C-alpha atoms as a PDB file:
ATOM      1  CA  MET A   1      49.663  -1.121 -13.074  1.00  0.00           C
ATOM      2  CA  SER A   2      49.172   0.649 -16.324  1.00  0.00           C
ATOM      3  CA  LEU A   3      51.768   1.433 -19.077  1.00  0.00           C
ATOM      4  CA  LYS A   4      51.628   3.919 -21.899  1.00  0.00           C
ATOM      5  CA  VAL A   5      54.521   4.069 -24.472  1.00  0.00           C
ATOM      6  CA  LYS A   6      54.658   6.140 -27.676  1.00  0.00           C
ATOM      7  CA  ALA A   7      57.203   7.669 -29.997  1.00  0.00           C
ATOM      8  CA  ASP A   8      56.846  11.212 -31.447  1.00  0.00           C
ATOM      9  CA  ILE A   9      58.897  10.966 -34.637  1.00  0.00           C
ATOM     10  CA  SER A  10      58.589  14.602 -35.451  1.00  0.00           C
ATOM     11  CA  LYS A  11      60.102  15.626 -32.167  1.00  0.00           C
ATOM     12  CA  ASN A  12      62.431  12.523 -32.115  1.00  0.00           C
ATOM     13  CA  ARG A  13      61.163  11.817 -28.591  1.00  0.00           C
ATOM     14  CA  LEU A  14      60.106   8.854 -26.638  1.00  0.00           C
ATOM     15  CA  TYR A  15      57.248   9.105 -24.003  1.00  0.00           C
ATOM     16  CA  PHE A  16      56.289   6.565 -21.339  1.00  0.00           C
ATOM     17  CA  THR A  17      54.259   6.398 -18.319  1.00  0.00           C
ATOM     18  CA  ILE A  18      54.118   3.915 -15.452  1.00  0.00           C
ATOM     19  CA  ALA A  19      51.370   4.074 -13.002  1.00  0.00           C
ATOM     20  CA  GLY A  20      50.793   1.784 -10.084  1.00  0.00           C
ATOM     21  CA  GLN A  21      52.963  -0.952  -8.668  1.00  0.00           C
ATOM     22  CA  ALA A  22      55.796  -1.821 -10.981  1.00  0.00           C
ATOM     23  CA  VAL A  23      55.816  -5.595 -11.271  1.00  0.00           C
ATOM     24  CA  LYS A  24      58.223  -7.613 -13.209  1.00  0.00           C
ATOM     25  CA  LYS A  25      55.783  -8.934 -15.770  1.00  0.00           C
ATOM     26  CA  GLU A  26      54.513  -5.490 -16.712  1.00  0.00           C
ATOM     27  CA  MET A  27      58.134  -4.005 -16.657  1.00  0.00           C
ATOM     28  CA  ASP A  28      59.125  -6.717 -19.115  1.00  0.00           C
ATOM     29  CA  LYS A  29      56.272  -5.545 -21.345  1.00  0.00           C
ATOM     30  CA  LEU A  30      57.377  -2.004 -21.090  1.00  0.00           C
ATOM     31  CA  TYR A  31      61.024  -3.072 -22.196  1.00  0.00           C
ATOM     32  CA  THR A  32      59.529  -4.653 -25.339  1.00  0.00           C
ATOM     33  CA  ASP A  33      57.271  -1.598 -26.171  1.00  0.00           C
ATOM     34  CA  VAL A  34      60.258   0.714 -25.573  1.00  0.00           C
ATOM     35  CA  ARG A  35      62.416  -1.282 -27.996  1.00  0.00           C
ATOM     36  CA  PHE A  36      59.774  -1.148 -30.723  1.00  0.00           C
ATOM     37  CA  CYS A  37      59.254   2.633 -30.249  1.00  0.00           C
ATOM     38  CA  VAL A  38      62.930   3.452 -30.217  1.00  0.00           C
ATOM     39  CA  ALA A  39      63.366   1.727 -33.571  1.00  0.00           C
ATOM     40  CA  ASP A  40      61.414   4.645 -35.107  1.00  0.00           C
ATOM     41  CA  LEU A  41      63.625   7.225 -33.558  1.00  0.00           C
ATOM     42  CA  LYS A  42      67.103   8.669 -34.511  1.00  0.00           C
ATOM     43  CA  PRO A  43      70.212   8.656 -32.199  1.00  0.00           C
ATOM     44  CA  GLY A  44      70.090  11.539 -29.810  1.00  0.00           C
ATOM     45  CA  PHE A  45      66.368  11.130 -29.134  1.00  0.00           C
ATOM     46  CA  ASP A  46      65.077  12.523 -25.881  1.00  0.00           C
ATOM     47  CA  VAL A  47      62.928  10.728 -23.378  1.00  0.00           C
ATOM     48  CA  ILE A  48      60.154  11.877 -20.999  1.00  0.00           C
ATOM     49  CA  SER A  49      59.176   9.255 -18.444  1.00  0.00           C
ATOM     50  CA  ASP A  50      56.177   9.874 -16.214  1.00  0.00           C
ATOM     51  CA  LEU A  51      56.708   8.073 -12.922  1.00  0.00           C
ATOM     52  CA  SER A  52      54.602  10.394 -10.831  1.00  0.00           C
ATOM     53  CA  GLU A  53      52.155   7.687 -10.030  1.00  0.00           C
ATOM     54  CA  CYS A  54      54.550   4.705 -10.026  1.00  0.00           C
ATOM     55  CA  ASN A  55      56.006   2.623  -7.234  1.00  0.00           C
ATOM     56  CA  ILE A  56      58.925   0.422  -7.995  1.00  0.00           C
ATOM     57  CA  GLY A  57      59.013  -1.050  -4.472  1.00  0.00           C
ATOM     58  CA  TYR A  58      59.264  -4.674  -5.797  1.00  0.00           C
ATOM     59  CA  LEU A  59      62.835  -5.680  -6.103  1.00  0.00           C
ATOM     60  CA  SER A  60      62.084  -8.109  -8.937  1.00  0.00           C
ATOM     61  CA  SER A  61      61.284  -5.138 -11.207  1.00  0.00           C
ATOM     62  CA  VAL A  62      64.637  -3.373 -10.552  1.00  0.00           C
ATOM     63  CA  PRO A  63      66.647  -5.517 -13.116  1.00  0.00           C
ATOM     64  CA  THR A  64      64.183  -4.773 -15.869  1.00  0.00           C
ATOM     65  CA  PHE A  65      64.270  -1.001 -14.932  1.00  0.00           C
ATOM     66  CA  ARG A  66      68.075  -1.208 -15.375  1.00  0.00           C
ATOM     67  CA  LYS A  67      67.677  -3.119 -18.518  1.00  0.00           C
ATOM     68  CA  ILE A  68      65.593  -0.368 -20.003  1.00  0.00           C
ATOM     69  CA  MET A  69      68.139   2.268 -18.990  1.00  0.00           C
ATOM     70  CA  ASN A  70      70.997   0.387 -20.476  1.00  0.00           C
ATOM     71  CA  PHE A  71      69.073  -0.138 -23.749  1.00  0.00           C
ATOM     72  CA  LEU A  72      68.411   3.523 -24.094  1.00  0.00           C
ATOM     73  CA  ILE A  73      72.050   4.190 -23.555  1.00  0.00           C
ATOM     74  CA  THR A  74      73.186   1.803 -26.196  1.00  0.00           C
ATOM     75  CA  LYS A  75      70.756   3.464 -28.656  1.00  0.00           C
ATOM     76  CA  GLU A  76      72.348   6.746 -27.919  1.00  0.00           C
ATOM     77  CA  VAL A  77      69.639   8.485 -25.908  1.00  0.00           C
ATOM     78  CA  GLY A  78      69.921  12.300 -25.638  1.00  0.00           C
ATOM     79  CA  GLU A  79      68.373  13.922 -22.615  1.00  0.00           C
ATOM     80  CA  VAL A  80      66.174  12.051 -20.189  1.00  0.00           C
ATOM     81  CA  VAL A  81      63.489  13.886 -18.082  1.00  0.00           C
ATOM     82  CA  ARG A  82      61.575  12.182 -15.460  1.00  0.00           C
ATOM     83  CA  ILE A  83      58.268  13.467 -14.036  1.00  0.00           C
ATOM     84  CA  ILE A  84      58.021  12.636 -10.380  1.00  0.00           C
ATOM     85  CA  ASN A  85      55.830  13.998  -7.621  1.00  0.00           C
ATOM     86  CA  GLY A  86      58.239  15.498  -5.132  1.00  0.00           C
ATOM     87  CA  LYS A  87      56.333  14.094  -2.113  1.00  0.00           C
ATOM     88  CA  SER A  88      55.967  10.634  -3.371  1.00  0.00           C
ATOM     89  CA  LEU A  89      57.827   7.399  -2.411  1.00  0.00           C
ATOM     90  CA  ILE A  90      58.977   7.008  -6.061  1.00  0.00           C
ATOM     91  CA  LEU A  91      61.351   9.977  -5.844  1.00  0.00           C
ATOM     92  CA  LYS A  92      63.134   8.369  -2.888  1.00  0.00           C
ATOM     93  CA  GLN A  93      63.231   4.990  -4.564  1.00  0.00           C
ATOM     94  CA  VAL A  94      64.611   6.339  -7.921  1.00  0.00           C
ATOM     95  CA  LEU A  95      67.156   8.479  -6.069  1.00  0.00           C
ATOM     96  CA  ASN A  96      68.215   5.569  -3.997  1.00  0.00           C
ATOM     97  CA  LEU A  97      68.545   3.321  -7.049  1.00  0.00           C
ATOM     98  CA  SER A  98      70.404   5.904  -9.046  1.00  0.00           C
ATOM     99  CA  ALA A  99      72.876   6.449  -6.100  1.00  0.00           C
ATOM    100  CA  ARG A 100      73.885   2.873  -6.301  1.00  0.00           C
ATOM    101  CA  ILE A 101      74.327   2.276 -10.017  1.00  0.00           C
ATOM    102  CA  CYS A 102      75.973   3.962 -13.065  1.00  0.00           C
ATOM    103  CA  GLY A 103      73.481   5.160 -15.345  1.00  0.00           C
ATOM    104  CA  TYR A 104      72.353   8.293 -17.230  1.00  0.00           C
ATOM    105  CA  LYS A 105      71.812  11.422 -15.167  1.00  0.00           C
ATOM    106  CA  PRO A 106      68.145  12.563 -15.785  1.00  0.00           C
ATOM    107  CA  ILE A 107      66.439  15.921 -15.115  1.00  0.00           C
ATOM    108  CA  TYR A 108      63.677  15.754 -12.540  1.00  0.00           C
ATOM    109  CA  VAL A 109      60.410  17.849 -13.009  1.00  0.00           C
ATOM    110  CA  SER A 110      56.899  17.690 -11.512  1.00  0.00           C
ATOM    111  CA  THR A 111      54.696  18.109 -14.677  1.00  0.00           C
ATOM    112  CA  LEU A 112      54.621  17.102 -18.395  1.00  0.00           C
ATOM    113  CA  GLU A 113      54.466  20.876 -19.331  1.00  0.00           C
ATOM    114  CA  GLU A 114      57.748  21.455 -17.380  1.00  0.00           C
ATOM    115  CA  ALA A 115      59.347  18.391 -19.057  1.00  0.00           C
ATOM    116  CA  GLU A 116      58.472  19.775 -22.521  1.00  0.00           C
ATOM    117  CA  GLU A 117      59.796  23.152 -21.641  1.00  0.00           C
ATOM    118  CA  LYS A 118      63.028  21.788 -20.324  1.00  0.00           C
ATOM    119  CA  LEU A 119      63.639  19.928 -23.583  1.00  0.00           C
ATOM    120  CA  GLU A 120      62.665  22.827 -25.865  1.00  0.00           C
ATOM    121  CA  LYS A 121      65.083  25.196 -23.989  1.00  0.00           C
ATOM    122  CA  SER A 122      67.918  22.710 -23.283  1.00  0.00           C
ATOM    123  CA  ILE A 123      71.194  22.843 -25.375  1.00  0.00           C
ATOM    124  CA  LYS A 124      72.127  19.541 -26.872  1.00  0.00           C
ATOM    125  CA  ARG A 125      75.180  18.010 -25.167  1.00  0.00           C
ATOM    126  CA  LYS A 126      77.988  16.374 -26.953  1.00  0.00           C
ATOM    127  CA  GLY A 127      77.338  13.212 -24.965  1.00  0.00           C
ATOM    128  CA  ILE A 128      74.819  11.963 -22.320  1.00  0.00           C
ATOM    129  CA  ARG A 129      75.951  12.407 -18.721  1.00  0.00           C
ATOM    130  CA  PHE A 130      76.509   9.211 -16.549  1.00  0.00           C
ATOM    131  CA  HIS A 131      76.203   9.273 -12.783  1.00  0.00           C
ATOM    132  CA  VAL A 132      79.093   7.239 -11.585  1.00  0.00           C
ATOM    133  CA  ASN A 133      80.028   5.900  -8.228  1.00  0.00           C
ATOM    134  CA  HIS A 134      83.472   5.689  -6.478  1.00  0.00           C
ATOM    135  CA  LEU A 135      85.396   6.773  -9.417  1.00  0.00           C
ATOM    136  CA  PRO A 136      88.368   8.780  -8.328  1.00  0.00           C
ATOM    137  CA  ALA A 137      90.255  11.347 -10.423  1.00  0.00           C
ATOM    138  CA  GLU A 138      93.612  13.121 -10.190  1.00  0.00           C
ATOM    139  CA  TYR A 139      94.218  16.381 -11.946  1.00  0.00           C
ATOM    140  CA  ILE A 140      97.011  18.894 -12.466  1.00  0.00           C
ATOM    141  CA  SER A 141      96.316  22.701 -12.269  1.00  0.00           C
ATOM    142  CA  ASN A 142      99.327  25.083 -12.671  1.00  0.00           C
ATOM    143  CA  ASP A 143     101.762  22.241 -11.963  1.00  0.00           C
ATOM    144  CA  VAL A 144      99.975  21.340  -8.653  1.00  0.00           C
ATOM    145  CA  ASN A 145      98.494  18.050  -8.059  1.00  0.00           C
ATOM    146  CA  GLY A 146      94.771  17.638  -6.907  1.00  0.00           C
ATOM    147  CA  LYS A 147      92.447  14.747  -6.146  1.00  0.00           C
ATOM    148  CA  GLY A 148      88.668  14.321  -6.254  1.00  0.00           C
ATOM    149  CA  ASN A 149      85.671  12.080  -6.973  1.00  0.00           C
ATOM    150  CA  ILE A 150      83.871  12.089 -10.389  1.00  0.00           C
ATOM    151  CA  HIS A 151      80.217  12.942  -9.799  1.00  0.00           C
ATOM    152  CA  ASP A 152      79.195  12.575 -13.453  1.00  0.00           C
ATOM    153  CA  LEU A 153      81.002  11.861 -16.645  1.00  0.00           C
ATOM    154  CA  SER A 154      80.341  11.933 -20.402  1.00  0.00           C
ATOM    155  CA  ILE A 155      82.581  11.685 -23.404  1.00  0.00           C
ATOM    156  CA  SER A 156      82.780  15.483 -23.535  1.00  0.00           C
ATOM    157  CA  GLY A 157      83.346  16.374 -19.966  1.00  0.00           C
ATOM    158  CA  CYS A 158      82.781  15.616 -16.243  1.00  0.00           C
ATOM    159  CA  ALA A 159      81.997  17.129 -12.809  1.00  0.00           C
ATOM    160  CA  ILE A 160      84.306  16.557  -9.896  1.00  0.00           C
ATOM    161  CA  GLU A 161      83.447  16.909  -6.216  1.00  0.00           C
ATOM    162  CA  SER A 162      85.495  16.771  -3.025  1.00  0.00           C
ATOM    163  CA  ALA A 163      88.273  18.424  -4.858  1.00  0.00           C
ATOM    164  CA  THR A 164      91.486  18.950  -2.806  1.00  0.00           C
ATOM    165  CA  LEU A 165      92.817  21.790  -4.979  1.00  0.00           C
ATOM    166  CA  PRO A 166      90.723  24.716  -5.931  1.00  0.00           C
ATOM    167  CA  VAL A 167      90.383  25.905  -9.516  1.00  0.00           C
ATOM    168  CA  SER A 168      88.937  28.777 -11.428  1.00  0.00           C
ATOM    169  CA  THR A 169      86.753  29.041 -14.391  1.00  0.00           C
ATOM    170  CA  HIS A 170      88.647  28.884 -17.744  1.00  0.00           C
ATOM    171  CA  ASP A 171      91.562  27.154 -16.075  1.00  0.00           C
ATOM    172  CA  GLU A 172      93.342  24.595 -18.253  1.00  0.00           C
ATOM    173  CA  ILE A 173      94.003  21.377 -16.492  1.00  0.00           C
ATOM    174  CA  SER A 174      94.971  17.675 -16.971  1.00  0.00           C
ATOM    175  CA  ILE A 175      92.868  14.900 -15.572  1.00  0.00           C
ATOM    176  CA  LYS A 176      93.617  11.253 -14.954  1.00  0.00           C
ATOM    177  CA  ILE A 177      90.631   8.857 -14.816  1.00  0.00           C
ATOM    178  CA  GLU A 178      91.094   5.191 -14.191  1.00  0.00           C
ATOM    179  CA  PHE A 179      88.325   2.435 -14.468  1.00  0.00           C
ATOM    180  CA  ARG A 180      88.920  -0.653 -12.463  1.00  0.00           C
ATOM    181  CA  GLN A 181      86.810  -3.803 -12.741  1.00  0.00           C
ATOM    182  CA  GLN A 182      87.224  -7.264 -11.524  1.00  0.00           C
ATOM    183  CA  ASP A 183      88.531  -9.765 -13.956  1.00  0.00           C
ATOM    184  CA  VAL A 184      89.263  -7.235 -16.701  1.00  0.00           C
ATOM    185  CA  PRO A 185      92.358  -4.938 -17.293  1.00  0.00           C
ATOM    186  CA  SER A 186      91.899  -1.339 -15.891  1.00  0.00           C
ATOM    187  CA  GLU A 187      91.621   1.491 -18.384  1.00  0.00           C
ATOM    188  CA  GLU A 188      93.254   4.770 -17.831  1.00  0.00           C
ATOM    189  CA  PHE A 189      92.642   8.061 -19.569  1.00  0.00           C
ATOM    190  CA  ILE A 190      94.695  11.262 -19.186  1.00  0.00           C
ATOM    191  CA  VAL A 191      92.866  14.149 -20.860  1.00  0.00           C
ATOM    192  CA  LYS A 192      93.185  17.865 -21.173  1.00  0.00           C
ATOM    193  CA  ALA A 193      90.243  19.906 -19.977  1.00  0.00           C
ATOM    194  CA  ARG A 194      88.947  23.436 -19.427  1.00  0.00           C
ATOM    195  CA  VAL A 195      87.115  24.397 -16.254  1.00  0.00           C
ATOM    196  CA  VAL A 196      83.598  25.667 -17.340  1.00  0.00           C
ATOM    197  CA  ARG A 197      81.873  25.939 -13.907  1.00  0.00           C
ATOM    198  CA  THR A 198      82.866  26.088 -10.209  1.00  0.00           C
ATOM    199  CA  GLN A 199      80.866  25.710  -6.982  1.00  0.00           C
ATOM    200  CA  GLY A 200      82.734  26.684  -3.950  1.00  0.00           C
ATOM    201  CA  ASP A 201      86.299  25.506  -3.600  1.00  0.00           C
ATOM    202  CA  ASN A 202      85.733  21.735  -3.969  1.00  0.00           C
ATOM    203  CA  ILE A 203      83.285  21.307  -6.916  1.00  0.00           C
ATOM    204  CA  PHE A 204      83.835  22.063 -10.497  1.00  0.00           C
ATOM    205  CA  ALA A 205      82.903  20.922 -14.049  1.00  0.00           C
ATOM    206  CA  VAL A 206      85.119  20.618 -17.003  1.00  0.00           C
ATOM    207  CA  GLU A 207      84.903  20.220 -20.792  1.00  0.00           C
ATOM    208  CA  PHE A 208      87.336  17.818 -22.376  1.00  0.00           C
ATOM    209  CA  LYS A 209      89.618  19.115 -25.067  1.00  0.00           C
ATOM    210  CA  ASP A 210      91.019  17.548 -28.227  1.00  0.00           C
ATOM    211  CA  LEU A 211      89.808  14.008 -27.629  1.00  0.00           C
ATOM    212  CA  ASP A 212      90.184  11.848 -30.728  1.00  0.00           C
ATOM    213  CA  GLU A 213      87.588   9.417 -31.849  1.00  0.00           C
ATOM    214  CA  GLU A 214      89.558   6.452 -30.604  1.00  0.00           C
ATOM    215  CA  ILE A 215      89.732   7.820 -27.055  1.00  0.00           C
ATOM    216  CA  LYS A 216      85.987   8.714 -27.142  1.00  0.00           C
ATOM    217  CA  ASP A 217      85.144   5.181 -28.248  1.00  0.00           C
ATOM    218  CA  ARG A 218      87.289   3.704 -25.413  1.00  0.00           C
ATOM    219  CA  LEU A 219      85.645   6.008 -22.841  1.00  0.00           C
ATOM    220  CA  TRP A 220      82.134   5.297 -24.100  1.00  0.00           C
ATOM    221  CA  LYS A 221      82.903   1.443 -23.868  1.00  0.00           C
ATOM    222  CA  CYS A 222      84.068   1.918 -20.235  1.00  0.00           C
ATOM    223  CA  LEU A 223      80.857   3.882 -19.325  1.00  0.00           C
ATOM    224  CA  ILE A 224      78.712   1.114 -20.883  1.00  0.00           C
ATOM    225  CA  ALA A 225      80.576  -1.424 -18.824  1.00  0.00           C
ATOM    226  CA  GLU A 226      79.987   0.518 -15.721  1.00  0.00           C
ATOM    227  CA  THR A 227      76.245   0.603 -16.296  1.00  0.00           C
ATOM    228  CA  GLN A 228      76.229  -3.224 -16.471  1.00  0.00           C
ATOM    229  CA  ARG A 229      77.985  -3.799 -13.274  1.00  0.00           C
ATOM    230  CA  GLU A 230      76.026  -5.541 -10.556  1.00  0.00           C
ATOM    231  CA  ILE A 231      74.831  -3.452  -7.630  1.00  0.00           C
END
């Protein structure tokens, strides 16, 4: 296994490459190197991770992989781009892991050039998107109640799938989101939102409206707690 980690301060960007079998000892070294490099970057830094020649088949490496993700999140990472060979085993491994945990939602590309281009052309989001599992949502559109499942969520908006009530772009709706975890009180959010994108009748994305800093902080802490839950 080989590792390469570097920070480009002028671009405010972190690069790391993992090649070969991702074993725990080397993943722990990667975690240390990532922490040192991130110290030189500003909040909102982007990440390009080259996993095209990597294999995370060893279960012992998964906790460290998650620890790196959580560290980047707490340091207010911006966009994350992963370079993955579409025919390789790593793509299935990473997608399977991502489907089981809450974590940032990366962009997948096949080359470094494509990754650089994606970041150069991307519009900076107001908050990193988190993939979330089994998080239901209720919403009201034109005084009619609907339900769905949140596919991804940030402090600035979310995407809802399996929606029972169709909506249209620019609709103003109200959404209720509730986080439930064992041994801690549940957290409920009722937010106003504007529909910014629809896909068919049962998938749509919204931008939250008029969230004050206290609510953003509460929502952020809930998302962080979700990333730290056991699989």
